[in-house]
Amino acid sequence: MNRRRSALARGIGDEGHEPKYAEHDPPRSAVSVDKRGAWMPMKRLIAGRSLAECVQSGRDNIVQLRLLASLMVVFGHSYVLVGHDVIFDEPLHLFLRRTYSHLVGVTMFFTISGFLITLSYLRRPDLLRFLRARALRLWPALAVVVGVWSFVLGPLFSTASLHDYFRVGDGHGTVYRYFLTNISLFATQPSLPGLFATNPVPHYANGSLWTIPYEATMYACVAVAGVLCLFRFPWTASIAIATAIAAIVLWPMYTGAARAEGASFLGLQLAACFGVGSIACLLRRYMPISTGRAKSTLSKTIQL
């Protein structure tokens, strides 16, 4: 082994003789190799790596993106909860009139979720294991939050008596309806009897639960697609998802056939973001991630 290493170090071939070069094709010198190596970081900066390489190496910044999305949701909702017309003074809305910070944060969450949930099924294509993992991810924490609001915080802050709170309810429903509906994953009940009736946004005990049914529905869609073996054909599946997004979301927005402000259409928009994340997962080997390109695009956008 030492003799082989020394031979390779001297440039001797496997047959034990010096490699032959034509006069017009001299061997590369160490200087040229060093120059090539010096250019590699710059090439990597411009060309980037594939999304699959980023995920495999753990340098995907998903945790940081989730943190950014969380901050945007909290920041945007701080304007919503004040009520009246304060929401129109939200900073991002002043620049982009059709959206708000919290909506951008939610769309980021759904896009990331589409990528990760699809990747989860691809790594372990087992339906029962997938459904079990998704249920354990959503349901236990949801049941605890809803239970605490229903039977601990609700009675403490409600203006209704304990009898009315637990037995009668009000025009917005009963505590048991709130609990059972919200833990079902596919429906929400936002209000509890006598709770927060005088707030600028009245009767909402935990408004953030409104995205849970959309998220659970997307999980079911991934499970169905996996059972139908659609993920075995990533390009075909991606084209199908993109076509559905264009037909159901983009075309109605373009023609004005759907109101972008409607809650149901907002759910379709979130589903579209989830679909974009799924496409990114399916085609992750072909999607370049380049810091240089990102900076160039951001610079041009700011200039515009």
Protein backbone atom coordinates (compact mmCIF):
# COMPACT_ATOMS: atom_id res chain seq x y z
CA MET A 1 0.00 0.00 0.00
CA ASN A 2 2.83 2.41 0.84
CA ARG A 3 4.54 1.62 -2.46
CA ARG A 4 1.27 2.27 -4.32
CA ARG A 5 0.78 5.60 -2.54
CA SER A 6 4.30 6.73 -3.32
CA ALA A 7 3.86 5.74 -6.94
CA LEU A 8 0.62 7.66 -7.26
CA ALA A 9 2.21 10.63 -5.51
CA ARG A 10 5.01 10.62 -8.14
CA GLY A 11 2.44 10.48 -10.94
CA ILE A 12 3.21 6.86 -11.91
CA GLY A 13 0.33 4.88 -13.39
CA ASP A 14 -1.08 1.59 -12.15
CA GLU A 15 1.11 -0.31 -14.62
CA GLY A 16 4.27 1.14 -13.09
CA HIS A 17 5.29 3.42 -15.92
CA GLU A 18 5.23 7.14 -16.30
CA PRO A 19 2.06 8.42 -18.02
CA LYS A 20 2.63 9.66 -21.55
CA TYR A 21 1.44 13.03 -22.73
CA ALA A 22 1.31 14.56 -26.17
CA GLU A 23 3.24 17.73 -26.75
CA HIS A 24 0.07 19.72 -27.12
CA ASP A 25 -1.46 18.18 -23.97
CA PRO A 26 0.97 18.74 -21.10
CA PRO A 27 0.15 17.53 -17.57
CA ARG A 28 -1.65 19.95 -15.34
CA SER A 29 0.62 21.68 -12.91
CA ALA A 30 -0.01 22.13 -9.22
CA VAL A 31 -0.56 25.83 -9.86
CA SER A 32 -3.51 25.15 -12.19
CA VAL A 33 -5.01 22.76 -9.68
CA ASP A 34 -4.67 25.37 -6.95
CA LYS A 35 -6.39 27.96 -9.14
CA ARG A 36 -9.23 25.58 -9.83
CA GLY A 37 -9.60 24.88 -6.12
CA ALA A 38 -9.67 28.60 -5.38
CA TRP A 39 -12.58 29.05 -7.78
CA MET A 40 -14.64 26.22 -6.29
CA PRO A 41 -16.16 28.28 -3.40
CA MET A 42 -17.17 31.00 -5.87
CA LYS A 43 -18.67 28.41 -8.21
CA ARG A 44 -20.58 26.90 -5.30
CA LEU A 45 -21.84 30.35 -4.28
CA ILE A 46 -23.17 31.09 -7.78
CA ALA A 47 -24.37 27.66 -8.90
CA GLY A 48 -25.50 26.55 -5.45
CA ARG A 49 -26.42 23.09 -4.25
CA SER A 50 -29.54 21.08 -4.80
CA LEU A 51 -32.29 21.25 -2.22
CA ALA A 52 -31.79 17.54 -1.59
CA GLU A 53 -28.14 18.16 -0.67
CA CYS A 54 -29.14 20.93 1.72
CA VAL A 55 -31.68 18.73 3.49
CA GLN A 56 -29.34 15.75 3.65
CA SER A 57 -26.54 17.82 5.14
CA GLY A 58 -28.85 19.46 7.68
CA ARG A 59 -28.11 22.96 6.36
CA ASP A 60 -31.68 23.70 5.29
CA ASN A 61 -32.47 26.57 7.72
CA ILE A 62 -35.97 25.18 8.26
CA VAL A 63 -35.84 25.95 11.98
CA GLN A 64 -34.91 29.55 11.23
CA LEU A 65 -37.68 29.84 8.65
CA ARG A 66 -40.21 28.53 11.16
CA LEU A 67 -39.02 31.04 13.73
CA LEU A 68 -39.40 33.85 11.20
CA ALA A 69 -42.89 32.64 10.28
CA SER A 70 -43.87 32.48 13.98
CA LEU A 71 -42.72 36.04 14.59
CA MET A 72 -44.63 37.26 11.54
CA VAL A 73 -47.80 35.54 12.75
CA VAL A 74 -47.52 37.05 16.23
CA PHE A 75 -46.64 40.49 14.85
CA GLY A 76 -49.49 40.53 12.34
CA HIS A 77 -52.09 39.30 14.82
CA SER A 78 -51.08 42.03 17.27
CA TYR A 79 -52.69 44.45 14.80
CA VAL A 80 -55.72 42.24 14.18
CA LEU A 81 -56.58 41.82 17.86
CA VAL A 82 -56.65 45.57 18.46
CA GLY A 83 -59.65 45.73 16.15
CA HIS A 84 -61.18 48.62 14.23
CA ASP A 85 -59.02 49.87 11.33
CA VAL A 86 -55.62 49.41 12.97
CA ILE A 87 -54.94 46.38 10.77
CA PHE A 88 -54.62 48.67 7.75
CA ASP A 89 -51.58 50.31 9.38
CA GLU A 90 -49.73 47.00 9.56
CA PRO A 91 -46.26 47.69 8.02
CA LEU A 92 -46.21 44.93 5.42
CA HIS A 93 -49.74 45.84 4.30
CA LEU A 94 -48.58 49.38 3.62
CA PHE A 95 -46.17 48.01 0.99
CA LEU A 96 -48.18 45.01 -0.22
CA ARG A 97 -51.85 45.97 -0.12
CA ARG A 98 -53.20 42.47 -0.72
CA THR A 99 -51.57 40.77 2.25
CA TYR A 100 -50.47 41.06 5.89
CA SER A 101 -47.55 39.81 7.95
CA HIS A 102 -49.53 37.06 9.69
CA LEU A 103 -50.86 35.73 6.38
CA VAL A 104 -47.35 35.56 4.96
CA GLY A 105 -46.24 33.72 8.09
CA VAL A 106 -49.07 31.19 7.77
CA THR A 107 -48.30 30.59 4.09
CA MET A 108 -44.67 29.98 5.03
CA PHE A 109 -45.79 27.39 7.57
CA PHE A 110 -47.94 25.58 5.03
CA THR A 111 -45.20 25.59 2.40
CA ILE A 112 -42.68 24.17 4.86
CA SER A 113 -45.26 21.65 6.05
CA GLY A 114 -45.93 20.51 2.48
CA PHE A 115 -42.24 19.84 2.00
CA LEU A 116 -41.69 18.03 5.30
CA ILE A 117 -44.88 15.97 5.31
CA THR A 118 -44.28 14.75 1.77
CA LEU A 119 -40.68 13.96 2.66
CA SER A 120 -41.89 12.03 5.70
CA TYR A 121 -44.04 9.77 3.56
CA LEU A 122 -41.29 9.29 0.96
CA ARG A 123 -38.83 8.19 3.63
CA ARG A 124 -41.31 5.77 5.23
CA PRO A 125 -44.03 4.89 2.70
CA ASP A 126 -46.22 3.07 5.19
CA LEU A 127 -49.79 4.35 5.51
CA LEU A 128 -50.48 3.28 9.10
CA ARG A 129 -47.15 4.57 10.34
CA PHE A 130 -47.69 7.84 8.49
CA LEU A 131 -51.19 8.35 9.94
CA ARG A 132 -49.97 7.47 13.42
CA ALA A 133 -47.12 9.98 13.18
CA ARG A 134 -49.42 12.73 11.91
CA ALA A 135 -52.01 12.06 14.62
CA LEU A 136 -49.37 12.13 17.35
CA ARG A 137 -48.03 15.37 15.95
CA LEU A 138 -51.37 17.19 16.01
CA TRP A 139 -53.88 15.60 18.34
CA PRO A 140 -52.26 15.32 21.82
CA ALA A 141 -51.13 18.95 21.98
CA LEU A 142 -54.42 20.10 20.47
CA ALA A 143 -56.44 18.10 23.01
CA VAL A 144 -54.46 19.59 25.90
CA VAL A 145 -54.84 23.18 24.65
CA VAL A 146 -58.56 22.81 23.96
CA GLY A 147 -59.12 21.00 27.27
CA VAL A 148 -57.33 23.69 29.29
CA TRP A 149 -59.34 26.43 27.60
CA SER A 150 -62.62 24.54 28.00
CA PHE A 151 -62.39 23.40 31.61
CA VAL A 152 -59.77 25.62 33.31
CA LEU A 153 -59.31 29.04 31.68
CA GLY A 154 -62.82 29.30 30.30
CA PRO A 155 -64.64 29.10 33.65
CA LEU A 156 -62.12 31.52 35.20
CA PHE A 157 -62.55 34.29 32.61
CA SER A 158 -66.15 33.74 31.52
CA THR A 159 -68.78 36.28 32.58
CA ALA A 160 -71.37 33.48 32.71
CA SER A 161 -72.08 31.58 35.91
CA LEU A 162 -70.67 28.10 36.28
CA HIS A 163 -74.14 26.63 35.80
CA ASP A 164 -74.74 28.55 32.59
CA TYR A 165 -71.18 27.90 31.40
CA PHE A 166 -71.31 24.12 31.75
CA ARG A 167 -75.04 23.44 31.31
CA VAL A 168 -76.70 26.16 29.23
CA GLY A 169 -74.08 27.85 27.08
CA ASP A 170 -74.99 30.88 24.98
CA GLY A 171 -75.83 31.79 21.42
CA HIS A 172 -72.32 30.90 20.32
CA GLY A 173 -72.46 27.31 21.56
CA THR A 174 -71.61 25.23 24.61
CA VAL A 175 -68.33 24.28 26.19
CA TYR A 176 -68.77 20.68 25.14
CA ARG A 177 -69.40 21.66 21.55
CA TYR A 178 -66.23 23.75 21.66
CA PHE A 179 -64.19 20.86 23.03
CA LEU A 180 -65.50 18.07 20.81
CA THR A 181 -65.50 20.12 17.61
CA ASN A 182 -61.97 21.39 18.00
CA ILE A 183 -60.41 18.03 18.87
CA SER A 184 -62.01 16.45 15.79
CA LEU A 185 -59.18 17.99 13.67
CA PHE A 186 -61.47 18.72 10.72
CA ALA A 187 -63.66 21.48 12.19
CA THR A 188 -63.34 24.40 14.59
CA GLN A 189 -65.56 26.17 17.11
CA PRO A 190 -63.93 29.47 18.09
CA SER A 191 -66.02 30.67 21.03
CA LEU A 192 -66.80 29.66 24.60
CA PRO A 193 -69.86 30.78 26.62
CA GLY A 194 -69.49 34.29 28.02
CA LEU A 195 -65.83 34.57 27.11
CA PHE A 196 -64.24 37.77 25.73
CA ALA A 197 -67.58 39.19 24.63
CA THR A 198 -66.33 42.80 24.89
CA ASN A 199 -63.00 42.33 23.11
CA PRO A 200 -62.37 44.17 19.81
CA VAL A 201 -62.51 40.70 18.21
CA PRO A 202 -65.27 39.22 20.38
CA HIS A 203 -65.86 35.65 21.53
CA TYR A 204 -62.65 34.14 20.13
CA ALA A 205 -61.02 31.91 22.74
CA ASN A 206 -58.23 30.55 20.55
CA GLY A 207 -58.43 31.90 17.03
CA SER A 208 -55.19 30.26 15.91
CA LEU A 209 -56.94 26.88 15.68
CA TRP A 210 -58.59 27.86 12.39
CA THR A 211 -55.69 26.44 10.35
CA ILE A 212 -55.86 22.95 11.91
CA PRO A 213 -58.61 21.57 9.61
CA TYR A 214 -56.73 22.71 6.51
CA GLU A 215 -53.53 21.14 7.79
CA ALA A 216 -55.25 17.86 8.63
CA THR A 217 -56.90 17.79 5.20
CA MET A 218 -53.51 18.19 3.53
CA TYR A 219 -52.15 15.31 5.59
CA ALA A 220 -55.01 13.17 4.31
CA CYS A 221 -54.25 14.23 0.72
CA VAL A 222 -50.62 13.16 1.11
CA ALA A 223 -51.76 9.80 2.49
CA VAL A 224 -54.12 9.26 -0.45
CA ALA A 225 -51.44 10.21 -2.96
CA GLY A 226 -49.04 7.81 -1.27
CA VAL A 227 -51.51 4.93 -1.33
CA LEU A 228 -52.14 5.56 -5.04
CA CYS A 229 -48.35 5.42 -5.62
CA LEU A 230 -48.37 8.86 -7.24
CA PHE A 231 -45.08 9.77 -5.56
CA ARG A 232 -43.30 7.11 -7.59
CA PHE A 233 -43.56 9.46 -10.54
CA PRO A 234 -42.32 12.79 -9.13
CA TRP A 235 -42.54 14.79 -12.34
CA THR A 236 -46.05 13.54 -13.14
CA ALA A 237 -47.21 14.19 -9.58
CA SER A 238 -45.67 17.66 -9.61
CA ILE A 239 -47.36 18.57 -12.89
CA ALA A 240 -50.69 17.31 -11.52
CA ILE A 241 -50.31 19.39 -8.34
CA ALA A 242 -49.30 22.49 -10.31
CA THR A 243 -52.26 22.04 -12.66
CA ALA A 244 -54.66 21.76 -9.73
CA ILE A 245 -53.22 24.91 -8.14
CA ALA A 246 -53.55 26.82 -11.41
CA ALA A 247 -57.13 25.68 -12.02
CA ILE A 248 -58.50 25.98 -8.49
CA VAL A 249 -56.59 28.99 -7.12
CA LEU A 250 -54.66 31.02 -9.68
CA TRP A 251 -57.24 31.13 -12.46
CA PRO A 252 -60.12 32.28 -10.18
CA MET A 253 -57.83 34.95 -8.76
CA TYR A 254 -56.87 36.10 -12.25
CA THR A 255 -60.44 36.23 -13.56
CA GLY A 256 -61.91 37.63 -10.36
CA ALA A 257 -64.28 34.68 -10.04
CA ALA A 258 -63.36 34.20 -6.38
CA ARG A 259 -62.97 36.69 -3.58
CA ALA A 260 -59.43 36.54 -2.21
CA GLU A 261 -60.77 37.75 1.14
CA GLY A 262 -63.14 34.83 1.67
CA ALA A 263 -62.24 32.31 4.37
CA SER A 264 -62.91 29.29 2.14
CA PHE A 265 -60.78 30.67 -0.66
CA LEU A 266 -58.05 31.49 1.84
CA GLY A 267 -58.08 27.80 2.76
CA LEU A 268 -57.55 26.93 -0.92
CA GLN A 269 -54.64 29.34 -1.04
CA LEU A 270 -53.06 27.64 1.96
CA ALA A 271 -53.60 24.28 0.27
CA ALA A 272 -51.81 25.69 -2.78
CA CYS A 273 -48.85 26.67 -0.59
CA PHE A 274 -48.80 23.14 0.82
CA GLY A 275 -48.80 21.86 -2.76
CA VAL A 276 -45.85 24.07 -3.65
CA GLY A 277 -43.95 22.56 -0.74
CA SER A 278 -44.82 19.07 -1.96
CA ILE A 279 -43.52 19.91 -5.43
CA ALA A 280 -40.29 21.21 -3.90
CA CYS A 281 -39.91 17.91 -2.06
CA LEU A 282 -40.64 15.74 -5.09
CA LEU A 283 -38.20 17.68 -7.28
CA ARG A 284 -35.67 18.48 -4.57
CA ARG A 285 -32.80 16.89 -6.55
CA TYR A 286 -33.37 19.34 -9.37
CA MET A 287 -33.93 22.53 -7.38
CA PRO A 288 -30.77 24.65 -6.93
CA ILE A 289 -30.28 26.62 -3.74
CA SER A 290 -27.84 29.45 -4.40
CA THR A 291 -26.90 32.24 -2.02
CA GLY A 292 -25.49 34.28 -4.90
CA ARG A 293 -28.67 34.01 -6.95
CA ALA A 294 -30.82 34.82 -3.92
CA LYS A 295 -28.82 37.97 -3.19
CA SER A 296 -28.96 39.02 -6.84
CA THR A 297 -32.73 38.50 -6.98
CA LEU A 298 -33.25 40.41 -3.73
CA SER A 299 -31.09 43.27 -4.98
CA LYS A 300 -33.05 43.54 -8.23
CA THR A 301 -36.34 43.39 -6.35
CA ILE A 302 -35.30 46.25 -4.06
CA GLN A 303 -34.20 48.30 -7.07
CA LEU A 304 -37.62 47.84 -8.68
